[in-house]
Amino acid sequence: MKRIDSIKFFVEQQAFGVCAWLGKKMGIKTERVRLYFLYVTFGTLGSSVILYLIVAFWLNIKNYQKEGRKTVWDL
């Protein structure tokens, strides 16, 4: 059971970051975004997964760029 809980925690923490970000930007609940994503995935035979991966990659790059910027006042 502990292994399943750790897998569930990892998936919730990593995989749903895109849905949470998109929900926050659009002003709707994250659960609703996840539900729509599942509907679209089944309706388009999985092609929306590619879009999801592209957005996840873009968000990762965006976070790395923010962390890498230093200002004059940083020591």
PDB file of N, CA and C in Angstrom:
ATOM      1  N   MET A   1       0.812  -1.190   0.000  1.00  0.00           N
ATOM      2  CA  MET A   1       0.000   0.000   0.000  1.00  0.00           C
ATOM      3  C   MET A   1       0.854   1.252   0.000  1.00  0.00           C
ATOM      4  N   LYS A   2       1.982   1.221   0.674  1.00  0.00           N
ATOM      5  CA  LYS A   2       2.821   2.403   0.756  1.00  0.00           C
ATOM      6  C   LYS A   2       3.359   2.781  -0.623  1.00  0.00           C
ATOM      7  N   ARG A   3       3.682   1.789  -1.419  1.00  0.00           N
ATOM      8  CA  ARG A   3       4.195   2.057  -2.766  1.00  0.00           C
ATOM      9  C   ARG A   3       3.123   2.713  -3.633  1.00  0.00           C
ATOM     10  N   ILE A   4       1.892   2.259  -3.513  1.00  0.00           N
ATOM     11  CA  ILE A   4       0.790   2.845  -4.277  1.00  0.00           C
ATOM     12  C   ILE A   4       0.558   4.290  -3.848  1.00  0.00           C
ATOM     13  N   ASP A   5       0.638   4.559  -2.549  1.00  0.00           N
ATOM     14  CA  ASP A   5       0.470   5.921  -2.062  1.00  0.00           C
ATOM     15  C   ASP A   5       1.571   6.837  -2.572  1.00  0.00           C
ATOM     16  N   SER A   6       2.802   6.333  -2.631  1.00  0.00           N
ATOM     17  CA  SER A   6       3.894   7.174  -3.128  1.00  0.00           C
ATOM     18  C   SER A   6       3.746   7.439  -4.625  1.00  0.00           C
ATOM     19  N   ILE A   7       3.261   6.471  -5.384  1.00  0.00           N
ATOM     20  CA  ILE A   7       3.018   6.675  -6.811  1.00  0.00           C
ATOM     21  C   ILE A   7       1.890   7.685  -7.006  1.00  0.00           C
ATOM     22  N   LYS A   8       0.837   7.557  -6.221  1.00  0.00           N
ATOM     23  CA  LYS A   8      -0.285   8.491  -6.309  1.00  0.00           C
ATOM     24  C   LYS A   8       0.163   9.911  -5.978  1.00  0.00           C
ATOM     25  N   PHE A   9       0.961  10.071  -4.936  1.00  0.00           N
ATOM     26  CA  PHE A   9       1.462  11.386  -4.559  1.00  0.00           C
ATOM     27  C   PHE A   9       2.318  11.983  -5.679  1.00  0.00           C
ATOM     28  N   PHE A  10       3.192  11.171  -6.273  1.00  0.00           N
ATOM     29  CA  PHE A  10       4.051  11.657  -7.359  1.00  0.00           C
ATOM     30  C   PHE A  10       3.219  12.109  -8.551  1.00  0.00           C
ATOM     31  N   VAL A  11       2.224  11.328  -8.932  1.00  0.00           N
ATOM     32  CA  VAL A  11       1.383  11.677 -10.078  1.00  0.00           C
ATOM     33  C   VAL A  11       0.597  12.945  -9.804  1.00  0.00           C
ATOM     34  N   GLU A  12       0.021  13.055  -8.612  1.00  0.00           N
ATOM     35  CA  GLU A  12      -0.748  14.248  -8.282  1.00  0.00           C
ATOM     36  C   GLU A  12       0.133  15.486  -8.238  1.00  0.00           C
ATOM     37  N   GLN A  13       1.352  15.332  -7.770  1.00  0.00           N
ATOM     38  CA  GLN A  13       2.244  16.473  -7.653  1.00  0.00           C
ATOM     39  C   GLN A  13       2.805  16.897  -9.008  1.00  0.00           C
ATOM     40  N   GLN A  14       3.174  15.945  -9.847  1.00  0.00           N
ATOM     41  CA  GLN A  14       3.844  16.258 -11.096  1.00  0.00           C
ATOM     42  C   GLN A  14       2.906  16.381 -12.293  1.00  0.00           C
ATOM     43  N   ALA A  15       2.046  15.414 -12.477  1.00  0.00           N
ATOM     44  CA  ALA A  15       1.249  15.338 -13.702  1.00  0.00           C
ATOM     45  C   ALA A  15       0.115  16.345 -13.746  1.00  0.00           C
ATOM     46  N   PHE A  16      -0.420  16.723 -12.609  1.00  0.00           N
ATOM     47  CA  PHE A  16      -1.565  17.607 -12.626  1.00  0.00           C
ATOM     48  C   PHE A  16      -1.190  19.074 -12.510  1.00  0.00           C
ATOM     49  N   GLY A  17       0.080  19.390 -12.599  1.00  0.00           N
ATOM     50  CA  GLY A  17       0.496  20.786 -12.552  1.00  0.00           C
ATOM     51  C   GLY A  17      -0.052  21.588 -13.710  1.00  0.00           C
ATOM     52  N   VAL A  18      -0.165  20.983 -14.863  1.00  0.00           N
ATOM     53  CA  VAL A  18      -0.693  21.669 -16.042  1.00  0.00           C
ATOM     54  C   VAL A  18      -2.165  21.994 -15.843  1.00  0.00           C
ATOM     55  N   CYS A  19      -2.927  21.045 -15.354  1.00  0.00           N
ATOM     56  CA  CYS A  19      -4.359  21.279 -15.144  1.00  0.00           C
ATOM     57  C   CYS A  19      -4.584  22.350 -14.079  1.00  0.00           C
ATOM     58  N   ALA A  20      -3.784  22.345 -13.025  1.00  0.00           N
ATOM     59  CA  ALA A  20      -3.926  23.360 -11.977  1.00  0.00           C
ATOM     60  C   ALA A  20      -3.581  24.741 -12.527  1.00  0.00           C
ATOM     61  N   TRP A  21      -2.517  24.833 -13.298  1.00  0.00           N
ATOM     62  CA  TRP A  21      -2.114  26.108 -13.886  1.00  0.00           C
ATOM     63  C   TRP A  21      -3.185  26.625 -14.837  1.00  0.00           C
ATOM     64  N   LEU A  22      -3.683  25.742 -15.684  1.00  0.00           N
ATOM     65  CA  LEU A  22      -4.704  26.135 -16.655  1.00  0.00           C
ATOM     66  C   LEU A  22      -5.994  26.549 -15.951  1.00  0.00           C
ATOM     67  N   GLY A  23      -6.382  25.833 -14.913  1.00  0.00           N
ATOM     68  CA  GLY A  23      -7.571  26.184 -14.159  1.00  0.00           C
ATOM     69  C   GLY A  23      -7.438  27.531 -13.475  1.00  0.00           C
ATOM     70  N   LYS A  24      -6.249  27.796 -12.936  1.00  0.00           N
ATOM     71  CA  LYS A  24      -6.015  29.080 -12.286  1.00  0.00           C
ATOM     72  C   LYS A  24      -6.066  30.224 -13.295  1.00  0.00           C
ATOM     73  N   LYS A  25      -5.489  30.013 -14.460  1.00  0.00           N
ATOM     74  CA  LYS A  25      -5.492  31.045 -15.503  1.00  0.00           C
ATOM     75  C   LYS A  25      -6.902  31.325 -16.021  1.00  0.00           C
ATOM     76  N   MET A  26      -7.715  30.279 -16.133  1.00  0.00           N
ATOM     77  CA  MET A  26      -9.063  30.428 -16.678  1.00  0.00           C
ATOM     78  C   MET A  26     -10.096  30.748 -15.602  1.00  0.00           C
ATOM     79  N   GLY A  27      -9.714  30.614 -14.339  1.00  0.00           N
ATOM     80  CA  GLY A  27     -10.623  30.917 -13.247  1.00  0.00           C
ATOM     81  C   GLY A  27     -11.662  29.837 -12.992  1.00  0.00           C
ATOM     82  N   ILE A  28     -11.329  28.574 -13.286  1.00  0.00           N
ATOM     83  CA  ILE A  28     -12.245  27.470 -13.012  1.00  0.00           C
ATOM     84  C   ILE A  28     -11.542  26.437 -12.148  1.00  0.00           C
ATOM     85  N   LYS A  29     -12.320  25.516 -11.592  1.00  0.00           N
ATOM     86  CA  LYS A  29     -11.759  24.501 -10.703  1.00  0.00           C
ATOM     87  C   LYS A  29     -10.833  23.553 -11.467  1.00  0.00           C
ATOM     88  N   THR A  30      -9.792  23.116 -10.788  1.00  0.00           N
ATOM     89  CA  THR A  30      -8.833  22.182 -11.377  1.00  0.00           C
ATOM     90  C   THR A  30      -9.501  20.862 -11.729  1.00  0.00           C
ATOM     91  N   GLU A  31     -10.424  20.416 -10.891  1.00  0.00           N
ATOM     92  CA  GLU A  31     -11.107  19.147 -11.144  1.00  0.00           C
ATOM     93  C   GLU A  31     -11.879  19.181 -12.461  1.00  0.00           C
ATOM     94  N   ARG A  32     -12.484  20.325 -12.750  1.00  0.00           N
ATOM     95  CA  ARG A  32     -13.241  20.459 -13.999  1.00  0.00           C
ATOM     96  C   ARG A  32     -12.301  20.423 -15.210  1.00  0.00           C
ATOM     97  N   VAL A  33     -11.124  21.032 -15.084  1.00  0.00           N
ATOM     98  CA  VAL A  33     -10.138  21.004 -16.172  1.00  0.00           C
ATOM     99  C   VAL A  33      -9.687  19.569 -16.411  1.00  0.00           C
ATOM    100  N   ARG A  34      -9.435  18.821 -15.338  1.00  0.00           N
ATOM    101  CA  ARG A  34      -9.019  17.422 -15.473  1.00  0.00           C
ATOM    102  C   ARG A  34     -10.113  16.596 -16.149  1.00  0.00           C
ATOM    103  N   LEU A  35     -11.350  16.840 -15.761  1.00  0.00           N
ATOM    104  CA  LEU A  35     -12.471  16.108 -16.350  1.00  0.00           C
ATOM    105  C   LEU A  35     -12.585  16.401 -17.846  1.00  0.00           C
ATOM    106  N   TYR A  36     -12.501  17.663 -18.221  1.00  0.00           N
ATOM    107  CA  TYR A  36     -12.553  18.032 -19.642  1.00  0.00           C
ATOM    108  C   TYR A  36     -11.383  17.438 -20.411  1.00  0.00           C
ATOM    109  N   PHE A  37     -10.208  17.423 -19.766  1.00  0.00           N
ATOM    110  CA  PHE A  37      -9.040  16.832 -20.412  1.00  0.00           C
ATOM    111  C   PHE A  37      -9.270  15.345 -20.703  1.00  0.00           C
ATOM    112  N   LEU A  38      -9.859  14.644 -19.745  1.00  0.00           N
ATOM    113  CA  LEU A  38     -10.151  13.221 -19.963  1.00  0.00           C
ATOM    114  C   LEU A  38     -11.160  13.026 -21.088  1.00  0.00           C
ATOM    115  N   TYR A  39     -12.203  13.850 -21.116  1.00  0.00           N
ATOM    116  CA  TYR A  39     -13.190  13.752 -22.193  1.00  0.00           C
ATOM    117  C   TYR A  39     -12.552  14.004 -23.555  1.00  0.00           C
ATOM    118  N   VAL A  40     -11.736  15.030 -23.634  1.00  0.00           N
ATOM    119  CA  VAL A  40     -11.085  15.353 -24.909  1.00  0.00           C
ATOM    120  C   VAL A  40     -10.116  14.244 -25.312  1.00  0.00           C
ATOM    121  N   THR A  41      -9.415  13.681 -24.340  1.00  0.00           N
ATOM    122  CA  THR A  41      -8.468  12.604 -24.640  1.00  0.00           C
ATOM    123  C   THR A  41      -9.182  11.398 -25.234  1.00  0.00           C
ATOM    124  N   PHE A  42     -10.292  11.003 -24.633  1.00  0.00           N
ATOM    125  CA  PHE A  42     -11.040   9.866 -25.167  1.00  0.00           C
ATOM    126  C   PHE A  42     -11.699  10.203 -26.498  1.00  0.00           C
ATOM    127  N   GLY A  43     -12.162  11.427 -26.641  1.00  0.00           N
ATOM    128  CA  GLY A  43     -12.831  11.835 -27.876  1.00  0.00           C
ATOM    129  C   GLY A  43     -11.900  11.946 -29.064  1.00  0.00           C
ATOM    130  N   THR A  44     -10.652  12.307 -28.822  1.00  0.00           N
ATOM    131  CA  THR A  44      -9.697  12.476 -29.918  1.00  0.00           C
ATOM    132  C   THR A  44      -8.689  11.330 -29.992  1.00  0.00           C
ATOM    133  N   LEU A  45      -8.983  10.258 -29.294  1.00  0.00           N
ATOM    134  CA  LEU A  45      -8.130   9.055 -29.289  1.00  0.00           C
ATOM    135  C   LEU A  45      -6.705   9.334 -28.819  1.00  0.00           C
ATOM    136  N   GLY A  46      -6.570  10.203 -27.813  1.00  0.00           N
ATOM    137  CA  GLY A  46      -5.283  10.403 -27.168  1.00  0.00           C
ATOM    138  C   GLY A  46      -4.414  11.517 -27.720  1.00  0.00           C
ATOM    139  N   SER A  47      -4.855  12.229 -28.736  1.00  0.00           N
ATOM    140  CA  SER A  47      -3.982  13.258 -29.301  1.00  0.00           C
ATOM    141  C   SER A  47      -3.823  14.465 -28.383  1.00  0.00           C
ATOM    142  N   SER A  48      -4.715  14.662 -27.420  1.00  0.00           N
ATOM    143  CA  SER A  48      -4.567  15.789 -26.505  1.00  0.00           C
ATOM    144  C   SER A  48      -3.451  15.554 -25.490  1.00  0.00           C
ATOM    145  N   VAL A  49      -3.010  14.323 -25.351  1.00  0.00           N
ATOM    146  CA  VAL A  49      -1.884  14.022 -24.463  1.00  0.00           C
ATOM    147  C   VAL A  49      -0.632  14.728 -24.967  1.00  0.00           C
ATOM    148  N   ILE A  50      -0.470  14.812 -26.266  1.00  0.00           N
ATOM    149  CA  ILE A  50       0.678  15.509 -26.846  1.00  0.00           C
ATOM    150  C   ILE A  50       0.642  16.980 -26.463  1.00  0.00           C
ATOM    151  N   LEU A  51      -0.523  17.606 -26.547  1.00  0.00           N
ATOM    152  CA  LEU A  51      -0.667  18.997 -26.145  1.00  0.00           C
ATOM    153  C   LEU A  51      -0.355  19.164 -24.658  1.00  0.00           C
ATOM    154  N   TYR A  52      -0.816  18.237 -23.839  1.00  0.00           N
ATOM    155  CA  TYR A  52      -0.544  18.271 -22.404  1.00  0.00           C
ATOM    156  C   TYR A  52       0.958  18.224 -22.149  1.00  0.00           C
ATOM    157  N   LEU A  53       1.676  17.358 -22.826  1.00  0.00           N
ATOM    158  CA  LEU A  53       3.121  17.244 -22.632  1.00  0.00           C
ATOM    159  C   LEU A  53       3.848  18.498 -23.079  1.00  0.00           C
ATOM    160  N   ILE A  54       3.384  19.128 -24.146  1.00  0.00           N
ATOM    161  CA  ILE A  54       4.001  20.368 -24.620  1.00  0.00           C
ATOM    162  C   ILE A  54       3.827  21.476 -23.578  1.00  0.00           C
ATOM    163  N   VAL A  55       2.624  21.601 -23.027  1.00  0.00           N
ATOM    164  CA  VAL A  55       2.381  22.627 -22.013  1.00  0.00           C
ATOM    165  C   VAL A  55       3.189  22.340 -20.753  1.00  0.00           C
ATOM    166  N   ALA A  56       3.295  21.083 -20.349  1.00  0.00           N
ATOM    167  CA  ALA A  56       4.086  20.725 -19.172  1.00  0.00           C
ATOM    168  C   ALA A  56       5.554  21.083 -19.392  1.00  0.00           C
ATOM    169  N   PHE A  57       6.079  20.810 -20.567  1.00  0.00           N
ATOM    170  CA  PHE A  57       7.462  21.156 -20.890  1.00  0.00           C
ATOM    171  C   PHE A  57       7.646  22.667 -20.854  1.00  0.00           C
ATOM    172  N   TRP A  58       6.693  23.404 -21.421  1.00  0.00           N
ATOM    173  CA  TRP A  58       6.778  24.861 -21.447  1.00  0.00           C
ATOM    174  C   TRP A  58       6.755  25.442 -20.034  1.00  0.00           C
ATOM    175  N   LEU A  59       5.907  24.905 -19.154  1.00  0.00           N
ATOM    176  CA  LEU A  59       5.854  25.382 -17.773  1.00  0.00           C
ATOM    177  C   LEU A  59       7.153  25.091 -17.034  1.00  0.00           C
ATOM    178  N   ASN A  60       7.766  23.945 -17.298  1.00  0.00           N
ATOM    179  CA  ASN A  60       9.040  23.610 -16.675  1.00  0.00           C
ATOM    180  C   ASN A  60      10.122  24.584 -17.104  1.00  0.00           C
ATOM    181  N   ILE A  61      10.195  24.877 -18.386  1.00  0.00           N
ATOM    182  CA  ILE A  61      11.195  25.814 -18.894  1.00  0.00           C
ATOM    183  C   ILE A  61      10.961  27.199 -18.294  1.00  0.00           C
ATOM    184  N   LYS A  62       9.709  27.599 -18.198  1.00  0.00           N
ATOM    185  CA  LYS A  62       9.358  28.905 -17.634  1.00  0.00           C
ATOM    186  C   LYS A  62       9.824  29.003 -16.177  1.00  0.00           C
ATOM    187  N   ASN A  63       9.645  27.933 -15.398  1.00  0.00           N
ATOM    188  CA  ASN A  63      10.083  27.932 -14.002  1.00  0.00           C
ATOM    189  C   ASN A  63      11.601  27.986 -13.891  1.00  0.00           C
ATOM    190  N   TYR A  64      12.315  27.275 -14.754  1.00  0.00           N
ATOM    191  CA  TYR A  64      13.772  27.309 -14.725  1.00  0.00           C
ATOM    192  C   TYR A  64      14.305  28.690 -15.074  1.00  0.00           C
ATOM    193  N   GLN A  65      13.660  29.375 -15.997  1.00  0.00           N
ATOM    194  CA  GLN A  65      14.095  30.713 -16.366  1.00  0.00           C
ATOM    195  C   GLN A  65      13.893  31.688 -15.216  1.00  0.00           C
ATOM    196  N   LYS A  66      12.779  31.567 -14.505  1.00  0.00           N
ATOM    197  CA  LYS A  66      12.539  32.442 -13.357  1.00  0.00           C
ATOM    198  C   LYS A  66      13.566  32.211 -12.257  1.00  0.00           C
ATOM    199  N   GLU A  67      13.911  30.965 -12.000  1.00  0.00           N
ATOM    200  CA  GLU A  67      14.883  30.654 -10.959  1.00  0.00           C
ATOM    201  C   GLU A  67      16.277  31.113 -11.337  1.00  0.00           C
ATOM    202  N   GLY A  68      16.596  31.096 -12.611  1.00  0.00           N
ATOM    203  CA  GLY A  68      17.938  31.431 -13.062  1.00  0.00           C
ATOM    204  C   GLY A  68      18.228  32.911 -13.096  1.00  0.00           C
ATOM    205  N   ARG A  69      17.220  33.756 -13.153  1.00  0.00           N
ATOM    206  CA  ARG A  69      17.426  35.196 -13.210  1.00  0.00           C
ATOM    207  C   ARG A  69      17.870  35.736 -11.866  1.00  0.00           C
ATOM    208  N   LYS A  70      18.927  36.485 -11.892  1.00  0.00           N
ATOM    209  CA  LYS A  70      19.426  37.143 -10.689  1.00  0.00           C
ATOM    210  C   LYS A  70      19.375  38.649 -10.921  1.00  0.00           C
ATOM    211  N   THR A  71      19.069  39.363  -9.874  1.00  0.00           N
ATOM    212  CA  THR A  71      19.055  40.812  -9.967  1.00  0.00           C
ATOM    213  C   THR A  71      20.335  41.357  -9.373  1.00  0.00           C
ATOM    214  N   VAL A  72      20.521  42.640  -9.490  1.00  0.00           N
ATOM    215  CA  VAL A  72      21.704  43.283  -8.943  1.00  0.00           C
ATOM    216  C   VAL A  72      21.733  43.168  -7.416  1.00  0.00           C
ATOM    217  N   TRP A  73      20.561  43.096  -6.826  1.00  0.00           N
ATOM    218  CA  TRP A  73      20.467  43.107  -5.366  1.00  0.00           C
ATOM    219  C   TRP A  73      20.652  41.720  -4.752  1.00  0.00           C
ATOM    220  N   ASP A  74      20.645  40.673  -5.544  1.00  0.00           N
ATOM    221  CA  ASP A  74      20.860  39.321  -5.011  1.00  0.00           C
ATOM    222  C   ASP A  74      22.333  39.124  -4.659  1.00  0.00           C
ATOM    223  N   LEU A  75      22.568  38.468  -3.554  1.00  0.00           N
ATOM    224  CA  LEU A  75      23.942  38.189  -3.135  1.00  0.00           C
ATOM    225  C   LEU A  75      24.362  36.806  -3.493  1.00  0.00           C
TER     226      LEU A  75
END
